Amino acid sequence: MNDEAFHLTPVDARRYDFGSEWRGYDKTRVDQFRDQVADELERLTRVNQELEAKAKGFHEQLRAFRERDKALNDALISAQQLRADTRDQAEREAQLTLREARAEGEKVVDEARAEVRRLRAELDALDRARRSYLTQMRVMAERHLAELQAAESAPDPVDVQAPDFESDAKEDERPPVKSPGSWLDANAKAE
């Protein structure tokens, strides 16, 4: 069955009529199973909505970083245009007075180069920050994926039987506690 062609909602699962025949399925068990399926669909729908909200937030952050990157590129282009304009002006002034033009031209070129170096340093710093952010996002996404996989492979809490601690236990002794493998195991045990 194709996911695009078949969408099952919790309401669909609760209202589905299996029909009846002589010696058919146990209606109580079918109703219980249908309720379990509907509850699971509701849970998965909530999880899906939460993940979609997180993805939307990540997309918004990425959009903001792209806008900042564009603004930095525009500033760099403006600085380069400013440097070119300043150099042209210095050359025109150099034709009038060679000595004043050389002094003024060197001053303007040095300022422009210092500005370009400063802007490049800022751009490099922002690029490092962007790469660091992306690395952090990748690590966080991988950690979330690992936690999801761990949650999916965790045993069903209904199948786990509690050990009998009352037999032969002294009042001042407590049974050893196993450390949970992850916070998901601890949450599953609490439920």
N, C-alpha and C. Protein backbone atom coordinates (compact mmCIF):
# COMPACT_ATOMS: atom_id res chain seq x y z
N MET A 1 0.85 -1.17 0.00
CA MET A 1 0.00 0.00 0.00
C MET A 1 0.89 1.23 0.00
N ASN A 2 0.57 2.24 -0.73
CA ASN A 2 1.36 3.45 -0.87
C ASN A 2 0.94 4.44 0.22
N ASP A 3 1.93 5.12 0.86
CA ASP A 3 1.63 6.08 1.92
C ASP A 3 0.77 7.23 1.41
N GLU A 4 0.98 7.64 0.15
CA GLU A 4 0.22 8.75 -0.39
C GLU A 4 -1.24 8.37 -0.66
N ALA A 5 -1.49 7.10 -0.91
CA ALA A 5 -2.84 6.67 -1.25
C ALA A 5 -3.66 6.29 -0.03
N PHE A 6 -3.03 6.00 1.09
CA PHE A 6 -3.74 5.50 2.26
C PHE A 6 -3.37 6.33 3.48
N HIS A 7 -4.32 7.06 4.04
CA HIS A 7 -4.10 7.84 5.25
C HIS A 7 -5.12 7.37 6.28
N LEU A 8 -4.64 6.90 7.41
CA LEU A 8 -5.50 6.40 8.46
C LEU A 8 -5.41 7.33 9.65
N THR A 9 -6.53 7.84 10.09
CA THR A 9 -6.55 8.73 11.25
C THR A 9 -7.05 7.94 12.45
N PRO A 10 -6.82 8.46 13.66
CA PRO A 10 -7.33 7.78 14.85
C PRO A 10 -8.85 7.62 14.82
N VAL A 11 -9.53 8.60 14.29
CA VAL A 11 -10.99 8.52 14.20
C VAL A 11 -11.39 7.38 13.26
N ASP A 12 -10.68 7.25 12.12
CA ASP A 12 -10.96 6.15 11.19
C ASP A 12 -10.80 4.81 11.89
N ALA A 13 -9.73 4.67 12.68
CA ALA A 13 -9.48 3.40 13.35
C ALA A 13 -10.56 3.10 14.38
N ARG A 14 -11.02 4.12 15.10
CA ARG A 14 -12.04 3.89 16.13
C ARG A 14 -13.41 3.56 15.52
N ARG A 15 -13.72 4.09 14.36
CA ARG A 15 -15.05 3.92 13.77
C ARG A 15 -15.14 2.81 12.72
N TYR A 16 -14.04 2.19 12.40
CA TYR A 16 -14.07 1.17 11.35
C TYR A 16 -14.94 -0.01 11.79
N ASP A 17 -15.80 -0.45 10.91
CA ASP A 17 -16.70 -1.57 11.20
C ASP A 17 -16.17 -2.80 10.48
N PHE A 18 -15.82 -3.82 11.25
CA PHE A 18 -15.27 -5.04 10.68
C PHE A 18 -16.36 -5.97 10.13
N GLY A 19 -17.58 -5.70 10.42
CA GLY A 19 -18.65 -6.59 9.98
C GLY A 19 -18.74 -7.77 10.94
N SER A 20 -19.71 -8.59 10.75
CA SER A 20 -19.82 -9.76 11.63
C SER A 20 -20.32 -10.95 10.83
N GLU A 21 -19.88 -12.09 11.26
CA GLU A 21 -20.28 -13.35 10.66
C GLU A 21 -20.42 -14.37 11.78
N TRP A 22 -21.01 -15.45 11.42
CA TRP A 22 -21.12 -16.51 12.41
C TRP A 22 -19.73 -17.04 12.71
N ARG A 23 -19.42 -17.17 13.97
CA ARG A 23 -18.10 -17.61 14.43
C ARG A 23 -17.02 -16.62 13.97
N GLY A 24 -17.31 -15.37 13.99
CA GLY A 24 -16.36 -14.32 13.58
C GLY A 24 -15.40 -13.99 14.71
N TYR A 25 -14.74 -12.87 14.56
CA TYR A 25 -13.78 -12.44 15.56
C TYR A 25 -14.48 -12.01 16.85
N ASP A 26 -13.71 -12.06 17.94
CA ASP A 26 -14.23 -11.62 19.23
C ASP A 26 -14.35 -10.10 19.19
N LYS A 27 -15.56 -9.61 19.30
CA LYS A 27 -15.82 -8.17 19.17
C LYS A 27 -15.08 -7.37 20.23
N THR A 28 -14.97 -7.83 21.42
CA THR A 28 -14.27 -7.11 22.48
C THR A 28 -12.79 -6.96 22.15
N ARG A 29 -12.18 -8.04 21.69
CA ARG A 29 -10.76 -7.98 21.34
C ARG A 29 -10.53 -7.09 20.13
N VAL A 30 -11.43 -7.13 19.17
CA VAL A 30 -11.30 -6.26 18.01
C VAL A 30 -11.42 -4.80 18.44
N ASP A 31 -12.37 -4.50 19.34
CA ASP A 31 -12.53 -3.14 19.83
C ASP A 31 -11.29 -2.69 20.61
N GLN A 32 -10.73 -3.59 21.44
CA GLN A 32 -9.51 -3.25 22.17
C GLN A 32 -8.37 -2.95 21.21
N PHE A 33 -8.22 -3.79 20.22
CA PHE A 33 -7.14 -3.59 19.26
C PHE A 33 -7.36 -2.29 18.48
N ARG A 34 -8.57 -2.04 18.11
CA ARG A 34 -8.87 -0.81 17.37
C ARG A 34 -8.54 0.41 18.23
N ASP A 35 -8.85 0.37 19.53
CA ASP A 35 -8.51 1.47 20.43
C ASP A 35 -7.00 1.63 20.56
N GLN A 36 -6.29 0.50 20.64
CA GLN A 36 -4.83 0.57 20.73
C GLN A 36 -4.24 1.20 19.46
N VAL A 37 -4.76 0.80 18.32
CA VAL A 37 -4.27 1.36 17.05
C VAL A 37 -4.56 2.86 17.01
N ALA A 38 -5.75 3.26 17.43
CA ALA A 38 -6.11 4.67 17.42
C ALA A 38 -5.22 5.47 18.38
N ASP A 39 -4.95 4.92 19.57
CA ASP A 39 -4.06 5.60 20.52
C ASP A 39 -2.66 5.77 19.95
N GLU A 40 -2.17 4.72 19.30
CA GLU A 40 -0.83 4.80 18.71
C GLU A 40 -0.80 5.82 17.57
N LEU A 41 -1.86 5.85 16.77
CA LEU A 41 -1.93 6.84 15.69
C LEU A 41 -1.94 8.26 16.26
N GLU A 42 -2.67 8.46 17.34
CA GLU A 42 -2.68 9.78 17.98
C GLU A 42 -1.30 10.16 18.48
N ARG A 43 -0.60 9.23 19.12
CA ARG A 43 0.75 9.49 19.63
C ARG A 43 1.69 9.83 18.48
N LEU A 44 1.63 9.03 17.42
CA LEU A 44 2.51 9.26 16.28
C LEU A 44 2.20 10.59 15.59
N THR A 45 0.93 10.96 15.57
CA THR A 45 0.55 12.25 14.99
C THR A 45 1.14 13.39 15.82
N ARG A 46 1.09 13.26 17.15
CA ARG A 46 1.68 14.29 18.02
C ARG A 46 3.19 14.38 17.81
N VAL A 47 3.85 13.24 17.75
CA VAL A 47 5.30 13.22 17.53
C VAL A 47 5.63 13.85 16.19
N ASN A 48 4.85 13.51 15.18
CA ASN A 48 5.08 14.07 13.84
C ASN A 48 4.91 15.59 13.85
N GLN A 49 3.90 16.08 14.54
CA GLN A 49 3.67 17.52 14.61
C GLN A 49 4.82 18.22 15.34
N GLU A 50 5.33 17.59 16.41
CA GLU A 50 6.46 18.17 17.13
C GLU A 50 7.69 18.24 16.23
N LEU A 51 7.94 17.16 15.50
CA LEU A 51 9.11 17.14 14.61
C LEU A 51 8.96 18.16 13.49
N GLU A 52 7.75 18.32 12.97
CA GLU A 52 7.53 19.32 11.93
C GLU A 52 7.76 20.72 12.47
N ALA A 53 7.35 20.96 13.71
CA ALA A 53 7.57 22.28 14.32
C ALA A 53 9.06 22.55 14.49
N LYS A 54 9.81 21.53 14.93
CA LYS A 54 11.26 21.70 15.06
C LYS A 54 11.89 21.96 13.70
N ALA A 55 11.47 21.21 12.69
CA ALA A 55 12.03 21.40 11.35
C ALA A 55 11.74 22.82 10.85
N LYS A 56 10.54 23.31 11.14
CA LYS A 56 10.20 24.67 10.72
C LYS A 56 11.12 25.69 11.40
N GLY A 57 11.40 25.46 12.68
CA GLY A 57 12.32 26.34 13.40
C GLY A 57 13.72 26.32 12.80
N PHE A 58 14.17 25.12 12.43
CA PHE A 58 15.49 25.00 11.81
C PHE A 58 15.52 25.71 10.46
N HIS A 59 14.43 25.60 9.72
CA HIS A 59 14.36 26.28 8.42
C HIS A 59 14.39 27.80 8.61
N GLU A 60 13.71 28.29 9.64
CA GLU A 60 13.71 29.72 9.92
C GLU A 60 15.12 30.19 10.30
N GLN A 61 15.82 29.40 11.11
CA GLN A 61 17.19 29.76 11.48
C GLN A 61 18.09 29.76 10.25
N LEU A 62 17.92 28.77 9.40
CA LEU A 62 18.73 28.71 8.18
C LEU A 62 18.44 29.92 7.29
N ARG A 63 17.19 30.30 7.18
CA ARG A 63 16.82 31.48 6.39
C ARG A 63 17.49 32.73 6.96
N ALA A 64 17.49 32.85 8.28
CA ALA A 64 18.12 34.01 8.92
C ALA A 64 19.62 34.04 8.63
N PHE A 65 20.26 32.88 8.69
CA PHE A 65 21.69 32.82 8.39
C PHE A 65 21.96 33.16 6.93
N ARG A 66 21.10 32.73 6.05
CA ARG A 66 21.29 33.07 4.64
C ARG A 66 21.13 34.58 4.40
N GLU A 67 20.17 35.18 5.10
CA GLU A 67 19.99 36.63 4.97
C GLU A 67 21.23 37.38 5.49
N ARG A 68 21.79 36.90 6.60
CA ARG A 68 23.00 37.53 7.13
C ARG A 68 24.16 37.36 6.16
N ASP A 69 24.26 36.18 5.57
CA ASP A 69 25.32 35.93 4.60
C ASP A 69 25.18 36.86 3.40
N LYS A 70 23.96 37.07 2.93
CA LYS A 70 23.73 37.97 1.80
C LYS A 70 24.09 39.41 2.18
N ALA A 71 23.73 39.81 3.39
CA ALA A 71 24.06 41.16 3.84
C ALA A 71 25.58 41.35 3.92
N LEU A 72 26.29 40.33 4.37
CA LEU A 72 27.75 40.43 4.41
C LEU A 72 28.34 40.51 3.01
N ASN A 73 27.80 39.73 2.09
CA ASN A 73 28.27 39.79 0.71
C ASN A 73 28.01 41.17 0.11
N ASP A 74 26.85 41.72 0.38
CA ASP A 74 26.53 43.06 -0.12
C ASP A 74 27.49 44.10 0.48
N ALA A 75 27.81 43.96 1.76
CA ALA A 75 28.74 44.89 2.41
C ALA A 75 30.13 44.77 1.79
N LEU A 76 30.55 43.55 1.50
CA LEU A 76 31.86 43.36 0.88
C LEU A 76 31.90 43.98 -0.52
N ILE A 77 30.84 43.81 -1.29
CA ILE A 77 30.78 44.41 -2.63
C ILE A 77 30.80 45.93 -2.52
N SER A 78 30.05 46.46 -1.55
CA SER A 78 30.04 47.92 -1.36
C SER A 78 31.43 48.41 -0.98
N ALA A 79 32.13 47.68 -0.12
CA ALA A 79 33.48 48.08 0.27
C ALA A 79 34.42 48.04 -0.93
N GLN A 80 34.26 47.03 -1.77
CA GLN A 80 35.10 46.94 -2.97
C GLN A 80 34.79 48.08 -3.93
N GLN A 81 33.53 48.41 -4.09
CA GLN A 81 33.16 49.53 -4.96
C GLN A 81 33.69 50.84 -4.38
N LEU A 82 33.59 50.97 -3.06
CA LEU A 82 34.11 52.17 -2.41
C LEU A 82 35.61 52.29 -2.64
N ARG A 83 36.31 51.18 -2.52
CA ARG A 83 37.75 51.20 -2.75
C ARG A 83 38.07 51.60 -4.19
N ALA A 84 37.34 51.06 -5.14
CA ALA A 84 37.58 51.40 -6.55
C ALA A 84 37.28 52.88 -6.81
N ASP A 85 36.19 53.38 -6.25
CA ASP A 85 35.85 54.80 -6.42
C ASP A 85 36.93 55.70 -5.81
N THR A 86 37.39 55.31 -4.65
CA THR A 86 38.41 56.10 -3.96
C THR A 86 39.71 56.11 -4.77
N ARG A 87 40.07 54.97 -5.32
CA ARG A 87 41.28 54.88 -6.14
C ARG A 87 41.17 55.78 -7.38
N ASP A 88 40.01 55.77 -8.04
CA ASP A 88 39.81 56.65 -9.21
C ASP A 88 39.94 58.12 -8.82
N GLN A 89 39.36 58.48 -7.73
CA GLN A 89 39.46 59.87 -7.27
C GLN A 89 40.92 60.24 -6.99
N ALA A 90 41.64 59.33 -6.38
CA ALA A 90 43.05 59.60 -6.07
C ALA A 90 43.87 59.76 -7.34
N GLU A 91 43.55 59.00 -8.38
CA GLU A 91 44.29 59.13 -9.64
C GLU A 91 44.01 60.48 -10.31
N ARG A 92 42.77 60.96 -10.27
CA ARG A 92 42.44 62.26 -10.85
C ARG A 92 43.17 63.39 -10.11
N GLU A 93 43.19 63.29 -8.81
CA GLU A 93 43.90 64.29 -8.02
C GLU A 93 45.41 64.21 -8.25
N ALA A 94 45.93 63.04 -8.53
CA ALA A 94 47.36 62.88 -8.79
C ALA A 94 47.78 63.60 -10.06
N GLN A 95 46.89 63.71 -11.05
CA GLN A 95 47.20 64.44 -12.27
C GLN A 95 47.36 65.93 -11.98
N LEU A 96 46.64 66.49 -11.05
CA LEU A 96 46.74 67.92 -10.72
C LEU A 96 48.00 68.22 -9.90
N THR A 97 48.16 67.48 -8.85
CA THR A 97 49.33 67.71 -7.99
C THR A 97 49.92 66.36 -7.65
N LEU A 98 51.09 66.06 -8.24
CA LEU A 98 51.69 64.73 -8.10
C LEU A 98 52.01 64.41 -6.65
N ARG A 99 52.57 65.34 -5.95
CA ARG A 99 52.97 65.07 -4.57
C ARG A 99 51.75 64.85 -3.67
N GLU A 100 50.75 65.72 -3.75
CA GLU A 100 49.55 65.58 -2.91
C GLU A 100 48.77 64.32 -3.29
N ALA A 101 48.75 64.04 -4.58
CA ALA A 101 48.01 62.85 -5.04
C ALA A 101 48.62 61.57 -4.52
N ARG A 102 49.98 61.52 -4.52
CA ARG A 102 50.63 60.30 -4.01
C ARG A 102 50.33 60.10 -2.53
N ALA A 103 50.46 61.17 -1.76
CA ALA A 103 50.20 61.06 -0.33
C ALA A 103 48.74 60.67 -0.06
N GLU A 104 47.82 61.38 -0.74
CA GLU A 104 46.40 61.09 -0.54
C GLU A 104 46.03 59.70 -1.06
N GLY A 105 46.59 59.34 -2.22
CA GLY A 105 46.29 58.01 -2.79
C GLY A 105 46.75 56.88 -1.90
N GLU A 106 47.96 57.00 -1.34
CA GLU A 106 48.46 55.96 -0.45
C GLU A 106 47.60 55.85 0.81
N LYS A 107 47.20 57.01 1.31
CA LYS A 107 46.37 57.00 2.52
C LYS A 107 45.03 56.31 2.25
N VAL A 108 44.39 56.67 1.14
CA VAL A 108 43.08 56.09 0.81
C VAL A 108 43.20 54.58 0.54
N VAL A 109 44.25 54.21 -0.22
CA VAL A 109 44.44 52.78 -0.54
C VAL A 109 44.70 51.99 0.74
N ASP A 110 45.52 52.55 1.64
CA ASP A 110 45.80 51.85 2.90
C ASP A 110 44.53 51.68 3.73
N GLU A 111 43.70 52.72 3.77
CA GLU A 111 42.44 52.62 4.52
C GLU A 111 41.52 51.58 3.88
N ALA A 112 41.47 51.61 2.57
CA ALA A 112 40.61 50.65 1.89
C ALA A 112 41.10 49.23 2.12
N ARG A 113 42.42 49.03 2.05
CA ARG A 113 42.97 47.68 2.29
C ARG A 113 42.71 47.24 3.73
N ALA A 114 42.86 48.18 4.65
CA ALA A 114 42.57 47.84 6.05
C ALA A 114 41.09 47.48 6.21
N GLU A 115 40.22 48.20 5.52
CA GLU A 115 38.79 47.90 5.57
C GLU A 115 38.49 46.54 4.98
N VAL A 116 39.15 46.25 3.84
CA VAL A 116 38.95 44.94 3.21
C VAL A 116 39.45 43.83 4.11
N ARG A 117 40.63 44.03 4.74
CA ARG A 117 41.16 43.02 5.66
C ARG A 117 40.22 42.83 6.84
N ARG A 118 39.71 43.94 7.35
CA ARG A 118 38.78 43.84 8.48
C ARG A 118 37.51 43.10 8.06
N LEU A 119 36.97 43.44 6.90
CA LEU A 119 35.75 42.78 6.42
C LEU A 119 36.00 41.31 6.12
N ARG A 120 37.18 41.01 5.57
CA ARG A 120 37.50 39.61 5.32
C ARG A 120 37.64 38.84 6.63
N ALA A 121 38.25 39.47 7.62
CA ALA A 121 38.38 38.83 8.93
C ALA A 121 37.00 38.58 9.53
N GLU A 122 36.11 39.56 9.41
CA GLU A 122 34.75 39.37 9.90
C GLU A 122 34.04 38.27 9.13
N LEU A 123 34.22 38.28 7.81
CA LEU A 123 33.60 37.24 6.98
C LEU A 123 34.13 35.86 7.35
N ASP A 124 35.44 35.76 7.58
CA ASP A 124 36.02 34.47 7.99
C ASP A 124 35.45 34.04 9.34
N ALA A 125 35.32 34.99 10.27
CA ALA A 125 34.76 34.67 11.58
C ALA A 125 33.31 34.21 11.45
N LEU A 126 32.54 34.88 10.62
CA LEU A 126 31.15 34.47 10.41
C LEU A 126 31.07 33.12 9.72
N ASP A 127 31.97 32.86 8.79
CA ASP A 127 31.98 31.57 8.12
C ASP A 127 32.31 30.45 9.11
N ARG A 128 33.29 30.72 10.00
CA ARG A 128 33.61 29.72 11.04
C ARG A 128 32.41 29.51 11.95
N ALA A 129 31.74 30.58 12.33
CA ALA A 129 30.56 30.46 13.19
C ALA A 129 29.45 29.67 12.49
N ARG A 130 29.27 29.92 11.18
CA ARG A 130 28.25 29.18 10.43
C ARG A 130 28.59 27.70 10.37
N ARG A 131 29.86 27.38 10.10
CA ARG A 131 30.26 25.97 10.04
C ARG A 131 30.11 25.31 11.40
N SER A 132 30.46 26.04 12.46
CA SER A 132 30.30 25.50 13.82
C SER A 132 28.83 25.26 14.12
N TYR A 133 27.98 26.19 13.72
CA TYR A 133 26.55 26.03 13.93
C TYR A 133 26.03 24.82 13.18
N LEU A 134 26.43 24.68 11.94
CA LEU A 134 25.96 23.53 11.15
C LEU A 134 26.45 22.22 11.76
N THR A 135 27.68 22.21 12.26
CA THR A 135 28.20 21.00 12.91
C THR A 135 27.39 20.69 14.16
N GLN A 136 27.08 21.71 14.95
CA GLN A 136 26.27 21.50 16.15
C GLN A 136 24.87 20.99 15.78
N MET A 137 24.30 21.57 14.74
CA MET A 137 22.98 21.12 14.30
C MET A 137 23.04 19.65 13.84
N ARG A 138 24.11 19.29 13.10
CA ARG A 138 24.26 17.91 12.63
C ARG A 138 24.38 16.97 13.81
N VAL A 139 25.22 17.35 14.82
CA VAL A 139 25.40 16.50 15.99
C VAL A 139 24.08 16.35 16.74
N MET A 140 23.34 17.47 16.87
CA MET A 140 22.06 17.41 17.57
C MET A 140 21.07 16.54 16.81
N ALA A 141 21.04 16.68 15.49
CA ALA A 141 20.12 15.87 14.69
C ALA A 141 20.50 14.40 14.78
N GLU A 142 21.80 14.09 14.75
CA GLU A 142 22.23 12.69 14.87
C GLU A 142 21.90 12.14 16.25
N ARG A 143 22.05 12.98 17.28
CA ARG A 143 21.73 12.53 18.63
C ARG A 143 20.23 12.25 18.74
N HIS A 144 19.43 13.12 18.18
CA HIS A 144 17.98 12.90 18.21
C HIS A 144 17.61 11.64 17.44
N LEU A 145 18.25 11.43 16.31
CA LEU A 145 17.98 10.23 15.52
C LEU A 145 18.38 8.99 16.30
N ALA A 146 19.53 9.03 16.99
CA ALA A 146 19.97 7.89 17.78
C ALA A 146 18.98 7.64 18.92
N GLU A 147 18.48 8.70 19.54
CA GLU A 147 17.51 8.52 20.62
C GLU A 147 16.19 7.96 20.08
N LEU A 148 15.80 8.39 18.91
CA LEU A 148 14.58 7.84 18.30
C LEU A 148 14.77 6.36 17.99
N GLN A 149 15.93 6.01 17.47
CA GLN A 149 16.20 4.61 17.15
C GLN A 149 16.24 3.78 18.44
N ALA A 150 16.84 4.35 19.49
CA ALA A 150 16.88 3.64 20.77
C ALA A 150 15.47 3.46 21.33
N ALA A 151 14.64 4.48 21.17
CA ALA A 151 13.27 4.38 21.65
C ALA A 151 12.49 3.35 20.87
N GLU A 152 12.73 3.27 19.58
CA GLU A 152 12.02 2.29 18.76
C GLU A 152 12.45 0.87 19.08
N SER A 153 13.70 0.68 19.47
CA SER A 153 14.18 -0.67 19.74
C SER A 153 14.03 -1.06 21.20
N ALA A 154 13.58 -0.14 22.06
CA ALA A 154 13.40 -0.45 23.48
C ALA A 154 12.25 -1.45 23.64
N PRO A 155 12.35 -2.32 24.66
CA PRO A 155 11.27 -3.29 24.86
C PRO A 155 9.98 -2.59 25.26
N ASP A 156 8.90 -3.21 24.91
CA ASP A 156 7.58 -2.68 25.24
C ASP A 156 7.41 -2.75 26.76
N PRO A 157 7.09 -1.65 27.45
CA PRO A 157 6.97 -1.66 28.91
C PRO A 157 5.90 -2.62 29.40
N VAL A 158 4.94 -2.98 28.58
CA VAL A 158 3.89 -3.91 28.99
C VAL A 158 4.46 -5.31 29.14
N ASP A 159 5.49 -5.66 28.33
CA ASP A 159 6.06 -7.00 28.35
C ASP A 159 7.04 -7.19 29.50
N VAL A 160 7.53 -6.12 30.10
CA VAL A 160 8.53 -6.24 31.16
C VAL A 160 7.84 -6.61 32.45
N GLN A 161 8.34 -7.65 33.14
CA GLN A 161 7.76 -8.08 34.40
C GLN A 161 8.63 -7.54 35.53
N ALA A 162 7.99 -7.05 36.57
CA ALA A 162 8.71 -6.50 37.70
C ALA A 162 9.28 -7.64 38.54
N PRO A 163 10.54 -7.52 39.00
CA PRO A 163 11.11 -8.57 39.84
C PRO A 163 10.46 -8.57 41.22
N ASP A 164 10.49 -9.72 41.88
CA ASP A 164 9.90 -9.88 43.20
C ASP A 164 10.95 -9.52 44.24
N PHE A 165 10.84 -8.31 44.84
CA PHE A 165 11.82 -7.84 45.81
C PHE A 165 11.43 -8.20 47.25
N GLU A 166 10.24 -8.66 47.45
CA GLU A 166 9.76 -8.89 48.81
C GLU A 166 10.31 -10.19 49.40
N SER A 167 10.67 -11.15 48.59
CA SER A 167 11.11 -12.43 49.13
C SER A 167 12.54 -12.32 49.62
N ASP A 168 12.76 -12.74 50.88
CA ASP A 168 14.08 -12.82 51.51
C ASP A 168 14.80 -11.48 51.56
N ALA A 169 14.15 -10.36 51.47
CA ALA A 169 14.81 -9.04 51.52
C ALA A 169 14.74 -8.51 52.94
N LYS A 170 15.85 -7.99 53.42
CA LYS A 170 15.87 -7.38 54.75
C LYS A 170 15.37 -5.95 54.63
N GLU A 171 14.93 -5.38 55.76
CA GLU A 171 14.37 -4.04 55.71
C GLU A 171 15.41 -2.99 55.35
N ASP A 172 16.66 -3.18 55.83
CA ASP A 172 17.67 -2.16 55.57
C ASP A 172 18.41 -2.39 54.26
N GLU A 173 18.19 -3.50 53.57
CA GLU A 173 18.83 -3.77 52.28
C GLU A 173 17.90 -3.41 51.15
N ARG A 174 18.47 -2.88 50.10
CA ARG A 174 17.68 -2.55 48.90
C ARG A 174 18.26 -3.32 47.75
N PRO A 175 17.43 -3.73 46.81
CA PRO A 175 17.96 -4.46 45.65
C PRO A 175 18.81 -3.52 44.79
N PRO A 176 19.81 -4.07 44.11
CA PRO A 176 20.65 -3.21 43.25
C PRO A 176 19.82 -2.61 42.14
N VAL A 177 20.13 -1.34 41.84
CA VAL A 177 19.42 -0.63 40.79
C VAL A 177 20.30 -0.58 39.56
N LYS A 178 19.74 -0.98 38.44
CA LYS A 178 20.49 -0.90 37.18
C LYS A 178 20.40 0.52 36.66
N SER A 179 21.52 1.04 36.18
CA SER A 179 21.50 2.38 35.60
C SER A 179 20.85 2.32 34.23
N PRO A 180 19.98 3.27 33.94
CA PRO A 180 19.31 3.24 32.62
C PRO A 180 20.30 3.50 31.51
N GLY A 181 20.08 2.86 30.38
CA GLY A 181 20.94 3.03 29.20
C GLY A 181 20.79 4.39 28.60
N SER A 182 19.63 4.97 28.71
CA SER A 182 19.39 6.32 28.19
C SER A 182 18.20 6.89 28.93
N TRP A 183 17.93 8.12 28.74
CA TRP A 183 16.78 8.74 29.41
C TRP A 183 15.48 8.13 28.92
N LEU A 184 15.49 7.56 27.74
CA LEU A 184 14.27 6.92 27.22
C LEU A 184 13.97 5.66 28.02
N ASP A 185 15.01 4.89 28.39
CA ASP A 185 14.79 3.70 29.20
C ASP A 185 14.25 4.08 30.56
N ALA A 186 14.77 5.17 31.14
CA ALA A 186 14.30 5.62 32.45
C ALA A 186 12.83 6.04 32.36
N ASN A 187 12.47 6.75 31.31
CA ASN A 187 11.08 7.15 31.12
C ASN A 187 10.19 5.95 30.90
N ALA A 188 10.65 4.98 30.15
CA ALA A 188 9.85 3.78 29.89
C ALA A 188 9.62 3.02 31.18
N LYS A 189 10.64 2.95 32.07
CA LYS A 189 10.48 2.24 33.35
C LYS A 189 9.52 2.97 34.26
N ALA A 190 9.55 4.31 34.21
CA ALA A 190 8.67 5.11 35.05
C ALA A 190 7.22 4.92 34.68
N GLU A 191 6.96 4.71 33.42
CA GLU A 191 5.59 4.52 32.97
C GLU A 191 5.10 3.15 33.35
